[in-house]
Amino acid sequence: MGRPSGARSRDHDARRSEILQRMAQRLCQSDAMHASYRELVAAAGVSVSTLQHYFGRREDIVAAVLQQAQKTAAPHFDHARQATGTFRESILDFLSYFRLGFEKFGVGDVHAIGLVEGLRSTALGPVVVDAVLEPSIEALTARLGEHQRRGDMRPDSDPRHAALMLLAPGLVLMLHQNELGGAARYPADLDRFFAELAEAFLRAHAV
């Protein structure tokens, strides 16, 4: 029997994932921001009709790349949610993990794509919030909430607000130094910065 009309072939998901990975690699290259549909077709190694079949419009491709990055990073977000050791140890652990993601595991690439594609875009902006920004915010909020339940963190602190206060400075500096190339003219002592950030956070929120 033939495949029912509209049904997916057995290798649909695998083929889609393979194409998506190729386009994600292209979008992460420094000269590929705002890559055209034709450029993405070339990177994927398929025809225009094939790309349209699997993804649709260009915005749908970018959204799929960001959502796939979120799925791939899910185990790391699970780790980020867990309160580890004392409050001080846990904050230092989170910041170290956050920095490692930027420096070694492509987190900066995903944020760069998100900023380039998402700013002032009614279609992609919400995707960037959901797939790129919120997973880290929610994970850290959960970690801080656990410390608050343990009595390590001030009960009058809002865990989500505190998470934003801890994340935002490091995010700005990592983008400044790496994705924006600021390290060439305005190099920062990242070890000292993150140590001072942790101490300032602890002074503000520890019991």
Protein backbone atom coordinates (compact mmCIF):
# COMPACT_ATOMS: atom_id res chain seq x y z
CA MET A 1 0.00 0.00 0.00
CA GLY A 2 1.15 3.52 -0.71
CA ARG A 3 1.62 6.08 2.05
CA PRO A 4 -1.64 7.92 2.89
CA SER A 5 -1.82 11.46 1.57
CA GLY A 6 -0.24 13.89 4.05
CA ALA A 7 1.52 11.17 6.04
CA ARG A 8 5.21 11.54 6.79
CA SER A 9 7.80 9.13 5.50
CA ARG A 10 9.68 7.06 8.07
CA ASP A 11 12.85 9.08 7.66
CA HIS A 12 11.11 12.49 7.73
CA ASP A 13 12.27 13.49 11.20
CA ALA A 14 15.84 12.25 10.67
CA ARG A 15 16.08 14.03 7.32
CA ARG A 16 14.64 17.23 8.79
CA SER A 17 17.11 17.10 11.69
CA GLU A 18 20.04 16.62 9.30
CA ILE A 19 19.01 19.62 7.18
CA LEU A 20 18.41 21.71 10.30
CA GLN A 21 21.89 20.95 11.63
CA ARG A 22 23.51 22.13 8.40
CA MET A 23 21.58 25.39 8.45
CA ALA A 24 22.33 25.95 12.13
CA GLN A 25 26.05 25.63 11.38
CA ARG A 26 25.67 28.21 8.62
CA LEU A 27 23.72 30.67 10.76
CA CYS A 28 26.39 30.46 13.48
CA GLN A 29 29.11 31.66 11.12
CA SER A 30 30.09 35.29 11.60
CA ASP A 31 29.34 36.21 7.97
CA ALA A 32 25.96 34.49 7.88
CA MET A 33 23.78 36.73 10.04
CA HIS A 34 20.64 37.48 8.02
CA ALA A 35 21.61 34.77 5.54
CA SER A 36 19.12 34.74 2.68
CA TYR A 37 16.78 31.86 1.93
CA ARG A 38 18.96 30.93 -1.05
CA GLU A 39 22.06 30.87 1.16
CA LEU A 40 20.30 28.56 3.60
CA VAL A 41 19.23 26.33 0.73
CA ALA A 42 22.87 26.09 -0.35
CA ALA A 43 24.02 25.35 3.19
CA ALA A 44 21.38 22.63 3.55
CA GLY A 45 22.37 21.03 0.24
CA VAL A 46 18.77 20.62 -0.88
CA SER A 47 16.40 22.24 -3.34
CA VAL A 48 14.21 25.22 -2.55
CA SER A 49 11.12 23.02 -2.75
CA THR A 50 12.63 20.51 -0.30
CA LEU A 51 13.42 23.24 2.22
CA GLN A 52 9.92 24.66 1.85
CA HIS A 53 8.50 21.19 2.37
CA TYR A 54 10.35 20.65 5.65
CA PHE A 55 10.25 24.17 7.11
CA GLY A 56 8.30 26.72 5.11
CA ARG A 57 9.39 30.35 5.31
CA ARG A 58 12.78 31.72 6.36
CA GLU A 59 11.36 32.77 9.73
CA ASP A 60 10.23 29.19 10.29
CA ILE A 61 13.77 27.97 9.64
CA VAL A 62 15.30 30.36 12.18
CA ALA A 63 12.62 29.44 14.72
CA ALA A 64 13.34 25.74 14.19
CA VAL A 65 17.09 26.30 14.67
CA LEU A 66 16.53 28.09 17.97
CA GLN A 67 13.98 25.57 19.21
CA GLN A 68 16.30 22.69 18.34
CA ALA A 69 19.11 24.40 20.27
CA GLN A 70 16.79 24.60 23.27
CA LYS A 71 16.00 20.88 23.06
CA THR A 72 19.68 19.98 22.74
CA ALA A 73 20.51 22.09 25.81
CA ALA A 74 17.71 20.61 27.94
CA PRO A 75 20.05 18.43 30.09
CA HIS A 76 22.18 21.50 30.83
CA PHE A 77 19.12 23.46 31.92
CA ASP A 78 18.21 20.54 34.19
CA HIS A 79 21.63 20.86 35.83
CA ALA A 80 21.21 24.62 36.15
CA ARG A 81 17.96 24.11 38.06
CA GLN A 82 19.60 22.09 40.82
CA ALA A 83 20.81 23.82 43.99
CA THR A 84 24.34 22.54 44.59
CA GLY A 85 26.08 22.76 47.96
CA THR A 86 25.94 25.93 50.01
CA PHE A 87 24.37 29.09 48.64
CA ARG A 88 27.81 30.49 47.81
CA GLU A 89 28.93 27.25 46.13
CA SER A 90 25.71 27.10 44.16
CA ILE A 91 25.98 30.65 42.83
CA LEU A 92 29.61 30.13 41.83
CA ASP A 93 28.70 26.81 40.20
CA PHE A 94 25.93 28.42 38.17
CA LEU A 95 28.10 31.29 36.96
CA SER A 96 30.91 28.91 36.03
CA TYR A 97 28.49 26.72 34.09
CA PHE A 98 26.98 29.76 32.38
CA ARG A 99 30.39 31.05 31.34
CA LEU A 100 31.52 27.62 30.14
CA GLY A 101 28.48 27.42 27.87
CA PHE A 102 29.44 30.69 26.20
CA GLU A 103 33.11 29.88 25.86
CA LYS A 104 33.00 26.21 24.85
CA PHE A 105 29.54 25.04 23.83
CA GLY A 106 28.01 27.55 21.43
CA VAL A 107 25.69 29.40 23.81
CA GLY A 108 27.01 32.69 22.48
CA ASP A 109 26.21 31.61 18.92
CA VAL A 110 22.59 30.93 19.84
CA HIS A 111 22.26 34.29 21.61
CA ALA A 112 23.83 36.04 18.62
CA ILE A 113 21.34 34.46 16.23
CA GLY A 114 18.53 35.33 18.59
CA LEU A 115 19.51 38.98 18.87
CA VAL A 116 20.15 39.46 15.14
CA GLU A 117 16.95 37.73 14.09
CA GLY A 118 14.64 38.52 16.98
CA LEU A 119 15.00 42.21 17.78
CA ARG A 120 11.85 44.07 16.72
CA SER A 121 10.53 40.99 14.94
CA THR A 122 6.95 40.18 15.90
CA ALA A 123 7.39 36.69 14.46
CA LEU A 124 10.78 35.73 15.91
CA GLY A 125 11.03 37.91 19.02
CA PRO A 126 8.71 35.68 21.06
CA VAL A 127 10.58 32.58 19.85
CA VAL A 128 13.87 34.06 21.08
CA VAL A 129 12.32 34.83 24.45
CA ASP A 130 10.89 31.31 24.79
CA ALA A 131 13.80 29.30 23.35
CA VAL A 132 16.89 31.37 24.18
CA LEU A 133 16.29 33.63 27.19
CA GLU A 134 13.60 32.03 29.30
CA PRO A 135 15.19 28.57 29.74
CA SER A 136 18.16 30.09 31.61
CA ILE A 137 15.97 32.49 33.58
CA GLU A 138 13.56 29.73 34.59
CA ALA A 139 16.37 27.33 35.52
CA LEU A 140 18.10 29.87 37.75
CA THR A 141 14.77 30.92 39.25
CA ALA A 142 14.16 27.29 40.23
CA ARG A 143 17.64 26.99 41.76
CA LEU A 144 17.20 30.18 43.78
CA GLY A 145 13.72 29.12 44.85
CA GLU A 146 15.19 25.93 46.31
CA HIS A 147 17.78 27.91 48.24
CA GLN A 148 15.01 30.15 49.52
CA ARG A 149 13.08 27.10 50.74
CA ARG A 150 16.23 25.87 52.49
CA GLY A 151 16.54 29.19 54.28
CA ASP A 152 19.75 30.23 52.48
CA MET A 153 18.22 33.16 50.63
CA ARG A 154 16.27 36.12 51.96
CA PRO A 155 12.54 35.33 52.03
CA ASP A 156 11.66 38.80 50.75
CA SER A 157 13.70 38.36 47.55
CA ASP A 158 11.75 37.50 44.42
CA PRO A 159 13.60 34.49 42.89
CA ARG A 160 12.81 35.49 39.31
CA HIS A 161 13.93 39.08 39.82
CA ALA A 162 17.07 37.83 41.55
CA ALA A 163 17.73 35.45 38.64
CA LEU A 164 17.54 38.34 36.19
CA MET A 165 19.89 40.41 38.37
CA LEU A 166 22.48 37.61 38.32
CA LEU A 167 22.14 36.68 34.65
CA ALA A 168 21.99 40.06 32.96
CA PRO A 169 25.47 41.44 33.78
CA GLY A 170 27.23 38.24 32.74
CA LEU A 171 25.18 37.97 29.56
CA VAL A 172 26.00 41.54 28.55
CA LEU A 173 29.72 41.10 29.25
CA MET A 174 30.01 37.78 27.42
CA LEU A 175 28.31 39.25 24.36
CA HIS A 176 30.50 42.36 24.63
CA GLN A 177 33.74 40.37 24.83
CA ASN A 178 32.99 37.58 22.38
CA GLU A 179 30.12 38.01 19.92
CA LEU A 180 30.63 41.78 19.60
CA GLY A 181 34.43 41.55 19.59
CA GLY A 182 34.92 43.90 22.54
CA ALA A 183 37.78 41.87 23.96
CA ALA A 184 40.10 43.21 21.27
CA ARG A 185 39.86 46.85 22.45
CA TYR A 186 38.29 46.57 25.90
CA PRO A 187 39.46 43.28 27.41
CA ALA A 188 37.82 42.33 30.69
CA ASP A 189 39.18 40.20 33.52
CA LEU A 190 36.37 37.64 33.39
CA ASP A 191 37.56 35.69 36.44
CA ARG A 192 37.50 38.83 38.56
CA PHE A 193 34.22 40.05 37.08
CA PHE A 194 32.31 36.85 37.83
CA ALA A 195 33.84 36.56 41.30
CA GLU A 196 32.77 40.13 42.12
CA LEU A 197 29.35 39.53 40.60
CA ALA A 198 28.86 36.49 42.82
CA GLU A 199 29.95 38.37 45.95
CA ALA A 200 27.65 41.32 45.21
CA PHE A 201 24.73 38.94 44.63
CA LEU A 202 25.41 37.05 47.86
CA ARG A 203 25.63 40.27 49.88
CA ALA A 204 22.26 41.32 48.50
CA HIS A 205 20.36 38.05 48.82
CA ALA A 206 21.98 35.68 51.31
CA VAL A 207 20.42 35.32 54.76
